[in-house]
Amino acid sequence: GLHFDSPWADVVQVTWGVFSMSFWIGLGGGGFILLLGLQTRWQMHSRL
């Protein structure tokens, strides 16, 4: 937004809109990968 000289209000609005969506995507994706990694370790313990 700053690079294209957009109005400050538009920059803030777009940034907040992206944050509102990408925050939950990152949280959900990170949580899924974490659970997948923990499940792999748990399965390894079960085989042992």
ModelCIF file with pLDDT and N, C-alpha, C, O atoms, coordinates in Angstrom:
data_MODEL
#
_entry.id   MODEL 
#
_entity.id                         1 
_entity.type                       polymer 
_entity.pdbx_number_of_molecules   1 
#
_entity_poly.entity_id                      1 
_entity_poly.type                           'polypeptide(L)' 
_entity_poly.nstd_linkage                   no 
_entity_poly.nstd_monomer                   no 
_entity_poly.pdbx_seq_one_letter_code       GLHFDSPWADVVQVTWGVFSMSFWIGLGGGGFILLLGLQTRWQMHSRL 
_entity_poly.pdbx_seq_one_letter_code_can   GLHFDSPWADVVQVTWGVFSMSFWIGLGGGGFILLLGLQTRWQMHSRL 
_entity_poly.pdbx_strand_id                 A 
#
loop_
_entity_poly_seq.entity_id 
_entity_poly_seq.num 
_entity_poly_seq.mon_id 
_entity_poly_seq.hetero 
1 1  GLY n 
1 2  LEU n 
1 3  HIS n 
1 4  PHE n 
1 5  ASP n 
1 6  SER n 
1 7  PRO n 
1 8  TRP n 
1 9  ALA n 
1 10 ASP n 
1 11 VAL n 
1 12 VAL n 
1 13 GLN n 
1 14 VAL n 
1 15 THR n 
1 16 TRP n 
1 17 GLY n 
1 18 VAL n 
1 19 PHE n 
1 20 SER n 
1 21 MET n 
1 22 SER n 
1 23 PHE n 
1 24 TRP n 
1 25 ILE n 
1 26 GLY n 
1 27 LEU n 
1 28 GLY n 
1 29 GLY n 
1 30 GLY n 
1 31 GLY n 
1 32 PHE n 
1 33 ILE n 
1 34 LEU n 
1 35 LEU n 
1 36 LEU n 
1 37 GLY n 
1 38 LEU n 
1 39 GLN n 
1 40 THR n 
1 41 ARG n 
1 42 TRP n 
1 43 GLN n 
1 44 MET n 
1 45 HIS n 
1 46 SER n 
1 47 ARG n 
1 48 LEU n 
#
_struct_asym.id          A 
_struct_asym.entity_id   1 
#
loop_
_ma_qa_metric.id 
_ma_qa_metric.mode 
_ma_qa_metric.name 
_ma_qa_metric.software_group_id 
_ma_qa_metric.type 
1 global pLDDT . pLDDT 
2 local  pLDDT . pLDDT 
#
_ma_qa_metric_global.metric_id      1 
_ma_qa_metric_global.metric_value   86.31 
_ma_qa_metric_global.model_id       1 
_ma_qa_metric_global.ordinal_id     1 
#
loop_
_ma_qa_metric_local.label_asym_id 
_ma_qa_metric_local.label_comp_id 
_ma_qa_metric_local.label_seq_id 
_ma_qa_metric_local.metric_id 
_ma_qa_metric_local.metric_value 
_ma_qa_metric_local.model_id 
_ma_qa_metric_local.ordinal_id 
A GLY 1  2 85.00 1 1  
A LEU 2  2 85.00 1 2  
A HIS 3  2 82.00 1 3  
A PHE 4  2 84.00 1 4  
A ASP 5  2 80.00 1 5  
A SER 6  2 81.00 1 6  
A PRO 7  2 86.00 1 7  
A TRP 8  2 87.00 1 8  
A ALA 9  2 87.00 1 9  
A ASP 10 2 85.00 1 10 
A VAL 11 2 85.00 1 11 
A VAL 12 2 87.00 1 12 
A GLN 13 2 89.00 1 13 
A VAL 14 2 88.00 1 14 
A THR 15 2 89.00 1 15 
A TRP 16 2 91.00 1 16 
A GLY 17 2 90.00 1 17 
A VAL 18 2 89.00 1 18 
A PHE 19 2 90.00 1 19 
A SER 20 2 89.00 1 20 
A MET 21 2 91.00 1 21 
A SER 22 2 91.00 1 22 
A PHE 23 2 91.00 1 23 
A TRP 24 2 93.00 1 24 
A ILE 25 2 92.00 1 25 
A GLY 26 2 90.00 1 26 
A LEU 27 2 92.00 1 27 
A GLY 28 2 92.00 1 28 
A GLY 29 2 91.00 1 29 
A GLY 30 2 90.00 1 30 
A GLY 31 2 92.00 1 31 
A PHE 32 2 93.00 1 32 
A ILE 33 2 92.00 1 33 
A LEU 34 2 92.00 1 34 
A LEU 35 2 93.00 1 35 
A LEU 36 2 91.00 1 36 
A GLY 37 2 88.00 1 37 
A LEU 38 2 89.00 1 38 
A GLN 39 2 88.00 1 39 
A THR 40 2 85.00 1 40 
A ARG 41 2 83.00 1 41 
A TRP 42 2 82.00 1 42 
A GLN 43 2 78.00 1 43 
A MET 44 2 74.00 1 44 
A HIS 45 2 72.00 1 45 
A SER 46 2 71.00 1 46 
A ARG 47 2 70.00 1 47 
A LEU 48 2 68.00 1 48 
#
loop_
_atom_site.group_PDB 
_atom_site.id 
_atom_site.type_symbol 
_atom_site.label_atom_id 
_atom_site.label_alt_id 
_atom_site.label_comp_id 
_atom_site.label_asym_id 
_atom_site.label_entity_id 
_atom_site.label_seq_id 
_atom_site.pdbx_PDB_ins_code 
_atom_site.Cartn_x 
_atom_site.Cartn_y 
_atom_site.Cartn_z 
_atom_site.occupancy 
_atom_site.B_iso_or_equiv 
_atom_site.pdbx_formal_charge 
_atom_site.auth_seq_id 
_atom_site.auth_comp_id 
_atom_site.auth_asym_id 
_atom_site.auth_atom_id 
_atom_site.pdbx_PDB_model_num 
ATOM 1   N N  . GLY A 1 1  ? 0.821  -1.214  0.000  1.00 85.00 ? 1  GLY A N  1 
ATOM 2   C CA . GLY A 1 1  ? 0.000  0.000   0.000  1.00 85.00 ? 1  GLY A CA 1 
ATOM 3   C C  . GLY A 1 1  ? 0.848  1.253   0.000  1.00 85.00 ? 1  GLY A C  1 
ATOM 4   O O  . GLY A 1 1  ? 0.531  2.209   -0.709 1.00 85.00 ? 1  GLY A O  1 
ATOM 5   N N  . LEU A 1 2  ? 1.922  1.274   0.781  1.00 85.00 ? 2  LEU A N  1 
ATOM 6   C CA . LEU A 1 2  ? 2.815  2.428   0.803  1.00 85.00 ? 2  LEU A CA 1 
ATOM 7   C C  . LEU A 1 2  ? 3.540  2.591   -0.528 1.00 85.00 ? 2  LEU A C  1 
ATOM 8   O O  . LEU A 1 2  ? 3.755  3.712   -0.989 1.00 85.00 ? 2  LEU A O  1 
ATOM 9   N N  . HIS A 1 3  ? 3.916  1.476   -1.144 1.00 82.00 ? 3  HIS A N  1 
ATOM 10  C CA . HIS A 1 3  ? 4.642  1.534   -2.411 1.00 82.00 ? 3  HIS A CA 1 
ATOM 11  C C  . HIS A 1 3  ? 3.800  2.178   -3.500 1.00 82.00 ? 3  HIS A C  1 
ATOM 12  O O  . HIS A 1 3  ? 4.315  2.943   -4.316 1.00 82.00 ? 3  HIS A O  1 
ATOM 13  N N  . PHE A 1 4  ? 2.506  1.874   -3.516 1.00 84.00 ? 4  PHE A N  1 
ATOM 14  C CA . PHE A 1 4  ? 1.624  2.411   -4.554 1.00 84.00 ? 4  PHE A CA 1 
ATOM 15  C C  . PHE A 1 4  ? 0.983  3.739   -4.147 1.00 84.00 ? 4  PHE A C  1 
ATOM 16  O O  . PHE A 1 4  ? 0.048  4.202   -4.800 1.00 84.00 ? 4  PHE A O  1 
ATOM 17  N N  . ASP A 1 5  ? 1.486  4.357   -3.061 1.00 80.00 ? 5  ASP A N  1 
ATOM 18  C CA . ASP A 1 5  ? 1.011  5.683   -2.616 1.00 80.00 ? 5  ASP A CA 1 
ATOM 19  C C  . ASP A 1 5  ? -0.488 5.723   -2.371 1.00 80.00 ? 5  ASP A C  1 
ATOM 20  O O  . ASP A 1 5  ? -1.152 6.716   -2.671 1.00 80.00 ? 5  ASP A O  1 
ATOM 21  N N  . SER A 1 6  ? -1.012 4.640   -1.827 1.00 81.00 ? 6  SER A N  1 
ATOM 22  C CA . SER A 1 6  ? -2.441 4.621   -1.499 1.00 81.00 ? 6  SER A CA 1 
ATOM 23  C C  . SER A 1 6  ? -2.702 5.511   -0.292 1.00 81.00 ? 6  SER A C  1 
ATOM 24  O O  . SER A 1 6  ? -1.803 5.725   0.521  1.00 81.00 ? 6  SER A O  1 
ATOM 25  N N  . PRO A 1 7  ? -3.899 6.023   -0.167 1.00 86.00 ? 7  PRO A N  1 
ATOM 26  C CA . PRO A 1 7  ? -4.239 6.832   1.013  1.00 86.00 ? 7  PRO A CA 1 
ATOM 27  C C  . PRO A 1 7  ? -4.014 6.021   2.286  1.00 86.00 ? 7  PRO A C  1 
ATOM 28  O O  . PRO A 1 7  ? -4.195 4.804   2.317  1.00 86.00 ? 7  PRO A O  1 
ATOM 29  N N  . TRP A 1 8  ? -3.608 6.749   3.351  1.00 87.00 ? 8  TRP A N  1 
ATOM 30  C CA . TRP A 1 8  ? -3.286 6.075   4.606  1.00 87.00 ? 8  TRP A CA 1 
ATOM 31  C C  . TRP A 1 8  ? -4.457 5.246   5.132  1.00 87.00 ? 8  TRP A C  1 
ATOM 32  O O  . TRP A 1 8  ? -4.267 4.130   5.616  1.00 87.00 ? 8  TRP A O  1 
ATOM 33  N N  . ALA A 1 9  ? -5.645 5.788   5.035  1.00 87.00 ? 9  ALA A N  1 
ATOM 34  C CA . ALA A 1 9  ? -6.824 5.080   5.537  1.00 87.00 ? 9  ALA A CA 1 
ATOM 35  C C  . ALA A 1 9  ? -7.028 3.770   4.780  1.00 87.00 ? 9  ALA A C  1 
ATOM 36  O O  . ALA A 1 9  ? -7.394 2.753   5.368  1.00 87.00 ? 9  ALA A O  1 
ATOM 37  N N  . ASP A 1 10 ? -6.782 3.808   3.446  1.00 85.00 ? 10 ASP A N  1 
ATOM 38  C CA . ASP A 1 10 ? -6.938 2.587   2.649  1.00 85.00 ? 10 ASP A CA 1 
ATOM 39  C C  . ASP A 1 10 ? -5.866 1.559   3.002  1.00 85.00 ? 10 ASP A C  1 
ATOM 40  O O  . ASP A 1 10 ? -6.139 0.360   3.058  1.00 85.00 ? 10 ASP A O  1 
ATOM 41  N N  . VAL A 1 11 ? -4.627 2.046   3.243  1.00 85.00 ? 11 VAL A N  1 
ATOM 42  C CA . VAL A 1 11 ? -3.538 1.138   3.616  1.00 85.00 ? 11 VAL A CA 1 
ATOM 43  C C  . VAL A 1 11 ? -3.874 0.410   4.911  1.00 85.00 ? 11 VAL A C  1 
ATOM 44  O O  . VAL A 1 11 ? -3.711 -0.806  5.016  1.00 85.00 ? 11 VAL A O  1 
ATOM 45  N N  . VAL A 1 12 ? -4.346 1.172   5.897  1.00 87.00 ? 12 VAL A N  1 
ATOM 46  C CA . VAL A 1 12 ? -4.694 0.577   7.190  1.00 87.00 ? 12 VAL A CA 1 
ATOM 47  C C  . VAL A 1 12 ? -5.839 -0.412  7.029  1.00 87.00 ? 12 VAL A C  1 
ATOM 48  O O  . VAL A 1 12 ? -5.821 -1.492  7.619  1.00 87.00 ? 12 VAL A O  1 
ATOM 49  N N  . GLN A 1 13 ? -6.826 -0.046  6.238  1.00 89.00 ? 13 GLN A N  1 
ATOM 50  C CA . GLN A 1 13 ? -7.994 -0.913  6.063  1.00 89.00 ? 13 GLN A CA 1 
ATOM 51  C C  . GLN A 1 13 ? -7.612 -2.224  5.373  1.00 89.00 ? 13 GLN A C  1 
ATOM 52  O O  . GLN A 1 13 ? -8.030 -3.304  5.790  1.00 89.00 ? 13 GLN A O  1 
ATOM 53  N N  . VAL A 1 14 ? -6.807 -2.108  4.308  1.00 88.00 ? 14 VAL A N  1 
ATOM 54  C CA . VAL A 1 14 ? -6.396 -3.319  3.589  1.00 88.00 ? 14 VAL A CA 1 
ATOM 55  C C  . VAL A 1 14 ? -5.517 -4.202  4.483  1.00 88.00 ? 14 VAL A C  1 
ATOM 56  O O  . VAL A 1 14 ? -5.664 -5.424  4.520  1.00 88.00 ? 14 VAL A O  1 
ATOM 57  N N  . THR A 1 15 ? -4.597 -3.542  5.205  1.00 89.00 ? 15 THR A N  1 
ATOM 58  C CA . THR A 1 15 ? -3.712 -4.319  6.093  1.00 89.00 ? 15 THR A CA 1 
ATOM 59  C C  . THR A 1 15 ? -4.512 -5.053  7.147  1.00 89.00 ? 15 THR A C  1 
ATOM 60  O O  . THR A 1 15 ? -4.262 -6.227  7.421  1.00 89.00 ? 15 THR A O  1 
ATOM 61  N N  . TRP A 1 16 ? -5.491 -4.351  7.750  1.00 91.00 ? 16 TRP A N  1 
ATOM 62  C CA . TRP A 1 16 ? -6.325 -4.997  8.767  1.00 91.00 ? 16 TRP A CA 1 
ATOM 63  C C  . TRP A 1 16 ? -7.154 -6.133  8.177  1.00 91.00 ? 16 TRP A C  1 
ATOM 64  O O  . TRP A 1 16 ? -7.351 -7.166  8.818  1.00 91.00 ? 16 TRP A O  1 
ATOM 65  N N  . GLY A 1 17 ? -7.641 -5.934  6.943  1.00 90.00 ? 17 GLY A N  1 
ATOM 66  C CA . GLY A 1 17 ? -8.422 -6.991  6.297  1.00 90.00 ? 17 GLY A CA 1 
ATOM 67  C C  . GLY A 1 17 ? -7.582 -8.226  6.030  1.00 90.00 ? 17 GLY A C  1 
ATOM 68  O O  . GLY A 1 17 ? -8.026 -9.355  6.242  1.00 90.00 ? 17 GLY A O  1 
ATOM 69  N N  . VAL A 1 18 ? -6.354 -7.997  5.559  1.00 89.00 ? 18 VAL A N  1 
ATOM 70  C CA . VAL A 1 18 ? -5.460 -9.128  5.312  1.00 89.00 ? 18 VAL A CA 1 
ATOM 71  C C  . VAL A 1 18 ? -5.111 -9.821  6.625  1.00 89.00 ? 18 VAL A C  1 
ATOM 72  O O  . VAL A 1 18 ? -5.083 -11.049 6.698  1.00 89.00 ? 18 VAL A O  1 
ATOM 73  N N  . PHE A 1 19 ? -4.842 -9.018  7.670  1.00 90.00 ? 19 PHE A N  1 
ATOM 74  C CA . PHE A 1 19 ? -4.496 -9.598  8.969  1.00 90.00 ? 19 PHE A CA 1 
ATOM 75  C C  . PHE A 1 19 ? -5.645 -10.433 9.528  1.00 90.00 ? 19 PHE A C  1 
ATOM 76  O O  . PHE A 1 19 ? -5.431 -11.528 10.048 1.00 90.00 ? 19 PHE A O  1 
ATOM 77  N N  . SER A 1 20 ? -6.871 -9.907  9.416  1.00 89.00 ? 20 SER A N  1 
ATOM 78  C CA . SER A 1 20 ? -8.036 -10.614 9.953  1.00 89.00 ? 20 SER A CA 1 
ATOM 79  C C  . SER A 1 20 ? -8.211 -11.985 9.321  1.00 89.00 ? 20 SER A C  1 
ATOM 80  O O  . SER A 1 20 ? -8.692 -12.914 9.969  1.00 89.00 ? 20 SER A O  1 
ATOM 81  N N  . MET A 1 21 ? -7.824 -12.114 8.060  1.00 91.00 ? 21 MET A N  1 
ATOM 82  C CA . MET A 1 21 ? -7.974 -13.397 7.373  1.00 91.00 ? 21 MET A CA 1 
ATOM 83  C C  . MET A 1 21 ? -6.727 -14.281 7.552  1.00 91.00 ? 21 MET A C  1 
ATOM 84  O O  . MET A 1 21 ? -6.836 -15.461 7.886  1.00 91.00 ? 21 MET A O  1 
ATOM 85  N N  . SER A 1 22 ? -5.539 -13.689 7.323  1.00 91.00 ? 22 SER A N  1 
ATOM 86  C CA . SER A 1 22 ? -4.325 -14.497 7.330  1.00 91.00 ? 22 SER A CA 1 
ATOM 87  C C  . SER A 1 22 ? -3.935 -14.950 8.735  1.00 91.00 ? 22 SER A C  1 
ATOM 88  O O  . SER A 1 22 ? -3.281 -15.982 8.884  1.00 91.00 ? 22 SER A O  1 
ATOM 89  N N  . PHE A 1 23 ? -4.324 -14.197 9.771  1.00 91.00 ? 23 PHE A N  1 
ATOM 90  C CA . PHE A 1 23 ? -4.019 -14.611 11.143 1.00 91.00 ? 23 PHE A CA 1 
ATOM 91  C C  . PHE A 1 23 ? -4.639 -15.967 11.440 1.00 91.00 ? 23 PHE A C  1 
ATOM 92  O O  . PHE A 1 23 ? -3.979 -16.861 11.969 1.00 91.00 ? 23 PHE A O  1 
ATOM 93  N N  . TRP A 1 24 ? -5.914 -16.110 11.096 1.00 93.00 ? 24 TRP A N  1 
ATOM 94  C CA . TRP A 1 24 ? -6.603 -17.363 11.404 1.00 93.00 ? 24 TRP A CA 1 
ATOM 95  C C  . TRP A 1 24 ? -6.138 -18.504 10.499 1.00 93.00 ? 24 TRP A C  1 
ATOM 96  O O  . TRP A 1 24 ? -6.112 -19.666 10.903 1.00 93.00 ? 24 TRP A O  1 
ATOM 97  N N  . ILE A 1 25 ? -5.766 -18.139 9.249  1.00 92.00 ? 25 ILE A N  1 
ATOM 98  C CA . ILE A 1 25 ? -5.203 -19.172 8.363  1.00 92.00 ? 25 ILE A CA 1 
ATOM 99  C C  . ILE A 1 25 ? -3.873 -19.672 8.911  1.00 92.00 ? 25 ILE A C  1 
ATOM 100 O O  . ILE A 1 25 ? -3.620 -20.876 8.943  1.00 92.00 ? 25 ILE A O  1 
ATOM 101 N N  . GLY A 1 26 ? -3.014 -18.729 9.349  1.00 90.00 ? 26 GLY A N  1 
ATOM 102 C CA . GLY A 1 26 ? -1.732 -19.117 9.925  1.00 90.00 ? 26 GLY A CA 1 
ATOM 103 C C  . GLY A 1 26 ? -1.898 -19.908 11.211 1.00 90.00 ? 26 GLY A C  1 
ATOM 104 O O  . GLY A 1 26 ? -1.185 -20.884 11.445 1.00 90.00 ? 26 GLY A O  1 
ATOM 105 N N  . LEU A 1 27 ? -2.856 -19.476 12.058 1.00 92.00 ? 27 LEU A N  1 
ATOM 106 C CA . LEU A 1 27 ? -3.087 -20.183 13.314 1.00 92.00 ? 27 LEU A CA 1 
ATOM 107 C C  . LEU A 1 27 ? -3.608 -21.590 13.054 1.00 92.00 ? 27 LEU A C  1 
ATOM 108 O O  . LEU A 1 27 ? -3.158 -22.554 13.673 1.00 92.00 ? 27 LEU A O  1 
ATOM 109 N N  . GLY A 1 28 ? -4.563 -21.697 12.132 1.00 92.00 ? 28 GLY A N  1 
ATOM 110 C CA . GLY A 1 28 ? -5.114 -23.018 11.828 1.00 92.00 ? 28 GLY A CA 1 
ATOM 111 C C  . GLY A 1 28 ? -4.102 -23.920 11.146 1.00 92.00 ? 28 GLY A C  1 
ATOM 112 O O  . GLY A 1 28 ? -3.999 -25.102 11.471 1.00 92.00 ? 28 GLY A O  1 
ATOM 113 N N  . GLY A 1 29 ? -3.347 -23.359 10.189 1.00 91.00 ? 29 GLY A N  1 
ATOM 114 C CA . GLY A 1 29 ? -2.337 -24.165 9.504  1.00 91.00 ? 29 GLY A CA 1 
ATOM 115 C C  . GLY A 1 29 ? -1.225 -24.601 10.431 1.00 91.00 ? 29 GLY A C  1 
ATOM 116 O O  . GLY A 1 29 ? -0.783 -25.749 10.388 1.00 91.00 ? 29 GLY A O  1 
ATOM 117 N N  . GLY A 1 30 ? -0.768 -23.675 11.277 1.00 90.00 ? 30 GLY A N  1 
ATOM 118 C CA . GLY A 1 30 ? 0.276  -24.028 12.239 1.00 90.00 ? 30 GLY A CA 1 
ATOM 119 C C  . GLY A 1 30 ? -0.199 -25.073 13.232 1.00 90.00 ? 30 GLY A C  1 
ATOM 120 O O  . GLY A 1 30 ? 0.532  -26.005 13.568 1.00 90.00 ? 30 GLY A O  1 
ATOM 121 N N  . GLY A 1 31 ? -1.446 -24.908 13.702 1.00 92.00 ? 31 GLY A N  1 
ATOM 122 C CA . GLY A 1 31 ? -1.991 -25.889 14.640 1.00 92.00 ? 31 GLY A CA 1 
ATOM 123 C C  . GLY A 1 31 ? -2.117 -27.266 14.028 1.00 92.00 ? 31 GLY A C  1 
ATOM 124 O O  . GLY A 1 31 ? -1.852 -28.276 14.679 1.00 92.00 ? 31 GLY A O  1 
ATOM 125 N N  . PHE A 1 32 ? -2.533 -27.301 12.746 1.00 93.00 ? 32 PHE A N  1 
ATOM 126 C CA . PHE A 1 32 ? -2.674 -28.592 12.063 1.00 93.00 ? 32 PHE A CA 1 
ATOM 127 C C  . PHE A 1 32 ? -1.318 -29.284 11.918 1.00 93.00 ? 32 PHE A C  1 
ATOM 128 O O  . PHE A 1 32 ? -1.194 -30.482 12.176 1.00 93.00 ? 32 PHE A O  1 
ATOM 129 N N  . ILE A 1 33 ? -0.298 -28.518 11.502 1.00 92.00 ? 33 ILE A N  1 
ATOM 130 C CA . ILE A 1 33 ? 1.043  -29.092 11.335 1.00 92.00 ? 33 ILE A CA 1 
ATOM 131 C C  . ILE A 1 33 ? 1.592  -29.560 12.682 1.00 92.00 ? 33 ILE A C  1 
ATOM 132 O O  . ILE A 1 33 ? 2.253  -30.596 12.759 1.00 92.00 ? 33 ILE A O  1 
ATOM 133 N N  . LEU A 1 34 ? 1.316  -28.793 13.751 1.00 92.00 ? 34 LEU A N  1 
ATOM 134 C CA . LEU A 1 34 ? 1.773  -29.186 15.083 1.00 92.00 ? 34 LEU A CA 1 
ATOM 135 C C  . LEU A 1 34 ? 1.135  -30.503 15.514 1.00 92.00 ? 34 LEU A C  1 
ATOM 136 O O  . LEU A 1 34 ? 1.822  -31.392 16.017 1.00 92.00 ? 34 LEU A O  1 
ATOM 137 N N  . LEU A 1 35 ? -0.173 -30.630 15.318 1.00 93.00 ? 35 LEU A N  1 
ATOM 138 C CA . LEU A 1 35 ? -0.854 -31.870 15.686 1.00 93.00 ? 35 LEU A CA 1 
ATOM 139 C C  . LEU A 1 35 ? -0.338 -33.046 14.858 1.00 93.00 ? 35 LEU A C  1 
ATOM 140 O O  . LEU A 1 35 ? -0.213 -34.162 15.362 1.00 93.00 ? 35 LEU A O  1 
ATOM 141 N N  . LEU A 1 36 ? -0.039 -32.788 13.584 1.00 91.00 ? 36 LEU A N  1 
ATOM 142 C CA . LEU A 1 36 ? 0.479  -33.843 12.722 1.00 91.00 ? 36 LEU A CA 1 
ATOM 143 C C  . LEU A 1 36 ? 1.846  -34.308 13.219 1.00 91.00 ? 36 LEU A C  1 
ATOM 144 O O  . LEU A 1 36 ? 2.120  -35.507 13.258 1.00 91.00 ? 36 LEU A O  1 
ATOM 145 N N  . GLY A 1 37 ? 2.708  -33.353 13.601 1.00 88.00 ? 37 GLY A N  1 
ATOM 146 C CA . GLY A 1 37 ? 4.025  -33.711 14.114 1.00 88.00 ? 37 GLY A CA 1 
ATOM 147 C C  . GLY A 1 37 ? 3.948  -34.470 15.425 1.00 88.00 ? 37 GLY A C  1 
ATOM 148 O O  . GLY A 1 37 ? 4.675  -35.443 15.625 1.00 88.00 ? 37 GLY A O  1 
ATOM 149 N N  . LEU A 1 38 ? 3.066  -34.028 16.325 1.00 89.00 ? 38 LEU A N  1 
ATOM 150 C CA . LEU A 1 38 ? 2.905  -34.713 17.613 1.00 89.00 ? 38 LEU A CA 1 
ATOM 151 C C  . LEU A 1 38 ? 2.341  -36.112 17.428 1.00 89.00 ? 38 LEU A C  1 
ATOM 152 O O  . LEU A 1 38 ? 2.717  -37.040 18.144 1.00 89.00 ? 38 LEU A O  1 
ATOM 153 N N  . GLN A 1 39 ? 1.429  -36.262 16.459 1.00 88.00 ? 39 GLN A N  1 
ATOM 154 C CA . GLN A 1 39 ? 0.862  -37.590 16.200 1.00 88.00 ? 39 GLN A CA 1 
ATOM 155 C C  . GLN A 1 39 ? 1.944  -38.546 15.691 1.00 88.00 ? 39 GLN A C  1 
ATOM 156 O O  . GLN A 1 39 ? 1.956  -39.724 16.048 1.00 88.00 ? 39 GLN A O  1 
ATOM 157 N N  . THR A 1 40 ? 2.852  -38.030 14.855 1.00 85.00 ? 40 THR A N  1 
ATOM 158 C CA . THR A 1 40 ? 3.948  -38.856 14.348 1.00 85.00 ? 40 THR A CA 1 
ATOM 159 C C  . THR A 1 40 ? 4.830  -39.350 15.489 1.00 85.00 ? 40 THR A C  1 
ATOM 160 O O  . THR A 1 40 ? 5.215  -40.519 15.519 1.00 85.00 ? 40 THR A O  1 
ATOM 161 N N  . ARG A 1 41 ? 5.152  -38.453 16.433 1.00 83.00 ? 41 ARG A N  1 
ATOM 162 C CA . ARG A 1 41 ? 5.967  -38.864 17.580 1.00 83.00 ? 41 ARG A CA 1 
ATOM 163 C C  . ARG A 1 41 ? 5.220  -39.881 18.440 1.00 83.00 ? 41 ARG A C  1 
ATOM 164 O O  . ARG A 1 41 ? 5.816  -40.841 18.930 1.00 83.00 ? 41 ARG A O  1 
ATOM 165 N N  . TRP A 1 42 ? 3.920  -39.671 18.623 1.00 82.00 ? 42 TRP A N  1 
ATOM 166 C CA . TRP A 1 42 ? 3.119  -40.599 19.435 1.00 82.00 ? 42 TRP A CA 1 
ATOM 167 C C  . TRP A 1 42 ? 3.061  -41.978 18.792 1.00 82.00 ? 42 TRP A C  1 
ATOM 168 O O  . TRP A 1 42 ? 3.161  -42.991 19.484 1.00 82.00 ? 42 TRP A O  1 
ATOM 169 N N  . GLN A 1 43 ? 2.898  -42.022 17.467 1.00 78.00 ? 43 GLN A N  1 
ATOM 170 C CA . GLN A 1 43 ? 2.867  -43.304 16.772 1.00 78.00 ? 43 GLN A CA 1 
ATOM 171 C C  . GLN A 1 43 ? 4.199  -44.024 16.905 1.00 78.00 ? 43 GLN A C  1 
ATOM 172 O O  . GLN A 1 43 ? 4.239  -45.249 17.022 1.00 78.00 ? 43 GLN A O  1 
ATOM 173 N N  . MET A 1 44 ? 5.293  -43.264 16.886 1.00 74.00 ? 44 MET A N  1 
ATOM 174 C CA . MET A 1 44 ? 6.604  -43.867 17.059 1.00 74.00 ? 44 MET A CA 1 
ATOM 175 C C  . MET A 1 44 ? 6.710  -44.507 18.437 1.00 74.00 ? 44 MET A C  1 
ATOM 176 O O  . MET A 1 44 ? 7.231  -45.615 18.565 1.00 74.00 ? 44 MET A O  1 
ATOM 177 N N  . HIS A 1 45 ? 6.220  -43.819 19.473 1.00 72.00 ? 45 HIS A N  1 
ATOM 178 C CA . HIS A 1 45 ? 6.254  -44.381 20.827 1.00 72.00 ? 45 HIS A CA 1 
ATOM 179 C C  . HIS A 1 45 ? 5.406  -45.645 20.914 1.00 72.00 ? 45 HIS A C  1 
ATOM 180 O O  . HIS A 1 45 ? 5.786  -46.604 21.586 1.00 72.00 ? 45 HIS A O  1 
ATOM 181 N N  . SER A 1 46 ? 4.259  -45.648 20.236 1.00 71.00 ? 46 SER A N  1 
ATOM 182 C CA . SER A 1 46 ? 3.380  -46.818 20.268 1.00 71.00 ? 46 SER A CA 1 
ATOM 183 C C  . SER A 1 46 ? 4.049  -48.030 19.641 1.00 71.00 ? 46 SER A C  1 
ATOM 184 O O  . SER A 1 46 ? 3.894  -49.151 20.126 1.00 71.00 ? 46 SER A O  1 
ATOM 185 N N  . ARG A 1 47 ? 4.800  -47.804 18.551 1.00 70.00 ? 47 ARG A N  1 
ATOM 186 C CA . ARG A 1 47 ? 5.488  -48.922 17.892 1.00 70.00 ? 47 ARG A CA 1 
ATOM 187 C C  . ARG A 1 47 ? 6.597  -49.482 18.767 1.00 70.00 ? 47 ARG A C  1 
ATOM 188 O O  . ARG A 1 47 ? 6.880  -50.679 18.736 1.00 70.00 ? 47 ARG A O  1 
ATOM 189 N N  . LEU A 1 48 ? 7.228  -48.602 19.552 1.00 68.00 ? 48 LEU A N  1 
ATOM 190 C CA . LEU A 1 48 ? 8.351  -49.044 20.377 1.00 68.00 ? 48 LEU A CA 1 
ATOM 191 C C  . LEU A 1 48 ? 7.942  -50.065 21.429 1.00 68.00 ? 48 LEU A C  1 
ATOM 192 O O  . LEU A 1 48 ? 8.783  -50.528 22.199 1.00 68.00 ? 48 LEU A O  1 
#
